[in-house]
Amino acid sequence: MTSLYEEELALASDGGGFQVYPKKSTPHLDCISTDPLDGAKALSAVCARCGEDEVWICLQCHAPLCSRYKNGCAKKHAEESNHHIAVSLSDLSVWDFGQDCYLDVYAIPKLRAPYASLHLAKFGEPPSFPGAPVLELGTAPTAENDFLKATDAVTTAVKAYKELWGDDTRFPAARELLMAILESKT
C-alpha cells in the first residue's frame, strides 16, 4: 500500500501537481526575533540588496530580501548569516532555509506574532488560528496551551475593538506589542 505522499510524488513525476506539507517544527526557533515586526512597514519594502519588489522578510533581523526566483537575496542572506527563517510578503508563507521547507504557522507558536502583524497589515484584520482554543475576554490563560489561548484572546479583542470603534491607526502597533509580549512569555 502506498502513502498519500508517494501517490502525490508519482503524480508530480507524471507532470501532475502535488501538495506541499509544511513542517510543524523547526530546530531554528532561535532565528525568530522577539522584536516586534512592523507589518505595515514590511509590506512596502523592497529588497535591501537589489531593489526587487518580490520580498521575503527575515524573521531574525527583519531585513527585506528578494526571493530565490528573483535574485535570491533571501537565500544568500540565510547562508551568510544563519538567519534561516523568512516570510513571503506575497502569500505570507514561512520558509526555513536551514531545512529547505515551509513551516506551519499554526503549529509553531513562535511564528504567530510576526505572521499576525503581517496578516493584519496586509488584510486589515487579524488572522484566525484554526484549532486555537477560544479564551473569553477578561480571563487569563491557565491551561497547558497558554500561548495559543492568549493569542486567540488578542485576536478576539481586535475583532471586538473594530466592531465597537472601527479602525484606528494606532491599533496595529498596540496589537503587535501585545503579541510580542505574549511571545516573550513562551
Foldseek 3Di string as FASTA:
>chain_A
DDDLVVVQVVLVVVVHHHDADADLDDPVLVLADLPFAQQQVLLPDAQPPPRHNFWKAQRRPRGTHHPPVPVHRVLVCCVVPVSQWIATLVPRWIAGSVVGGTHDCLNDLLNQLRSQLNCCNVPVAGDDRPPQDEDDPPDQDDDPPRLSHQLNNLRVVRVVCCVVPNDDPCPSVVSSVSNSVSSVVD
